[in-house]
Amino acid sequence: VRATHLYKRATLGRQLPEFGLQMDDIDSPRNGILVAEGIECAFDNRQLCFLYDFLHSSLIVRVLDPTLLPQLVAPSTSSTFAEINGARLRHPPDSIPSGEF
């Protein structure tokens, strides 16, 4: 399991004002999630994204690269990217990452 920023620190805050956010918001706990290493790598490589569902106040996993679909999310699991495509992120109550990120 790895921690990852939803809005990457490497962006140096560019485009944050478009979302009503400031550079200080980058390190907010609401800008982070814990994911399997394979998900983090796919996210960093823009092969996967997280979409905010305003109707359900949740984040949804969306696989952007179809070549990932048959691959395992992590060597320690039997779940493939196809199985998590479209899934809602699970999180503790009152701990949803911000939809603004």
Protein backbone atom coordinates (compact mmCIF):
# COMPACT_ATOMS: atom_id res chain seq x y z
CA VAL A 1 0.00 0.00 0.00
CA ARG A 2 1.25 3.45 -0.92
CA ALA A 3 0.13 6.98 -0.21
CA THR A 4 -0.36 9.20 -3.23
CA HIS A 5 -1.45 12.78 -3.84
CA LEU A 6 -4.57 13.21 -5.96
CA TYR A 7 -3.23 16.55 -7.16
CA LYS A 8 0.50 16.02 -7.61
CA ARG A 9 3.06 18.13 -5.74
CA ALA A 10 5.23 18.14 -8.89
CA THR A 11 2.70 20.45 -10.58
CA LEU A 12 3.97 23.24 -8.31
CA GLY A 13 0.38 24.35 -7.77
CA ARG A 14 -0.37 25.22 -11.38
CA GLN A 15 -4.11 25.20 -12.04
CA LEU A 16 -5.00 25.07 -8.33
CA PRO A 17 -6.68 28.50 -8.52
CA GLU A 18 -9.06 27.05 -11.13
CA PHE A 19 -10.38 24.80 -8.36
CA GLY A 20 -10.39 27.53 -5.71
CA LEU A 21 -7.36 25.96 -4.01
CA GLN A 22 -3.96 27.20 -2.88
CA MET A 23 -0.50 25.62 -2.79
CA ASP A 24 -0.98 24.87 0.92
CA ASP A 25 -3.84 22.55 -0.05
CA ILE A 26 -1.39 20.15 -1.77
CA ASP A 27 -0.37 18.63 1.58
CA SER A 28 -3.90 18.49 2.96
CA PRO A 29 -4.94 14.98 4.06
CA ARG A 30 -7.94 15.39 1.74
CA ASN A 31 -5.50 15.43 -1.20
CA GLY A 32 -4.22 11.96 -0.40
CA ILE A 33 -5.30 8.36 -0.67
CA LEU A 34 -3.81 4.95 0.08
CA VAL A 35 -3.71 2.62 -2.91
CA ALA A 36 -1.97 -0.53 -4.11
CA GLU A 37 1.40 0.04 -5.76
CA GLY A 38 0.03 -0.93 -9.19
CA ILE A 39 -2.75 1.64 -8.92
CA GLU A 40 -0.28 4.35 -7.92
CA CYS A 41 2.00 3.52 -10.87
CA ALA A 42 -0.94 3.54 -13.31
CA PHE A 43 -2.17 6.85 -11.85
CA ASP A 44 1.30 8.42 -12.09
CA ASN A 45 1.57 7.23 -15.72
CA ARG A 46 -1.88 8.64 -16.56
CA GLN A 47 -3.24 5.17 -17.30
CA LEU A 48 -5.86 5.45 -14.56
CA CYS A 49 -7.74 8.32 -12.95
CA PHE A 50 -10.14 9.01 -10.13
CA LEU A 51 -13.41 10.71 -11.04
CA TYR A 52 -15.48 12.54 -8.46
CA ASP A 53 -19.13 11.45 -8.40
CA PHE A 54 -21.03 14.47 -7.14
CA LEU A 55 -24.28 12.52 -6.73
CA HIS A 56 -22.72 10.05 -4.30
CA SER A 57 -19.85 12.19 -2.92
CA SER A 58 -17.32 9.54 -3.81
CA LEU A 59 -14.35 8.87 -6.06
CA ILE A 60 -14.56 6.29 -8.83
CA VAL A 61 -11.62 4.45 -10.38
CA ARG A 62 -11.47 4.73 -14.17
CA VAL A 63 -8.90 2.78 -16.20
CA LEU A 64 -7.82 4.87 -19.20
CA ASP A 65 -5.39 2.39 -20.76
CA PRO A 66 -7.21 -0.75 -21.98
CA THR A 67 -3.95 -2.74 -21.96
CA LEU A 68 -4.07 -2.59 -18.15
CA LEU A 69 -7.46 -4.29 -17.88
CA PRO A 70 -6.25 -7.94 -17.79
CA GLN A 71 -3.29 -7.16 -15.50
CA LEU A 72 -3.26 -7.72 -11.75
CA VAL A 73 -3.55 -4.63 -9.56
CA ALA A 74 -0.78 -6.04 -7.34
CA PRO A 75 1.11 -9.34 -7.22
CA SER A 76 -0.43 -10.09 -3.82
CA THR A 77 -4.04 -9.97 -5.10
CA SER A 78 -6.17 -11.76 -7.65
CA SER A 79 -7.97 -8.52 -8.61
CA THR A 80 -7.40 -7.18 -12.11
CA PHE A 81 -7.68 -3.61 -13.31
CA ALA A 82 -10.84 -4.69 -15.19
CA GLU A 83 -12.43 -5.62 -11.86
CA ILE A 84 -11.68 -2.26 -10.23
CA ASN A 85 -12.61 -0.19 -13.30
CA GLY A 86 -15.69 1.79 -12.30
CA ALA A 87 -15.41 0.86 -8.61
CA ARG A 88 -15.99 3.41 -5.88
CA LEU A 89 -13.10 4.04 -3.52
CA ARG A 90 -13.73 2.75 -0.03
CA HIS A 91 -12.80 5.02 2.83
CA PRO A 92 -13.62 5.47 6.51
CA PRO A 93 -16.73 7.53 7.25
CA ASP A 94 -16.08 11.28 7.18
CA SER A 95 -12.70 10.70 5.50
CA ILE A 96 -13.52 11.04 1.83
CA PRO A 97 -10.78 12.69 -0.19
CA SER A 98 -11.81 16.08 -1.46
CA GLY A 99 -13.72 16.18 -4.74
CA GLU A 100 -11.92 19.43 -5.39
CA PHE A 101 -8.70 17.55 -6.05
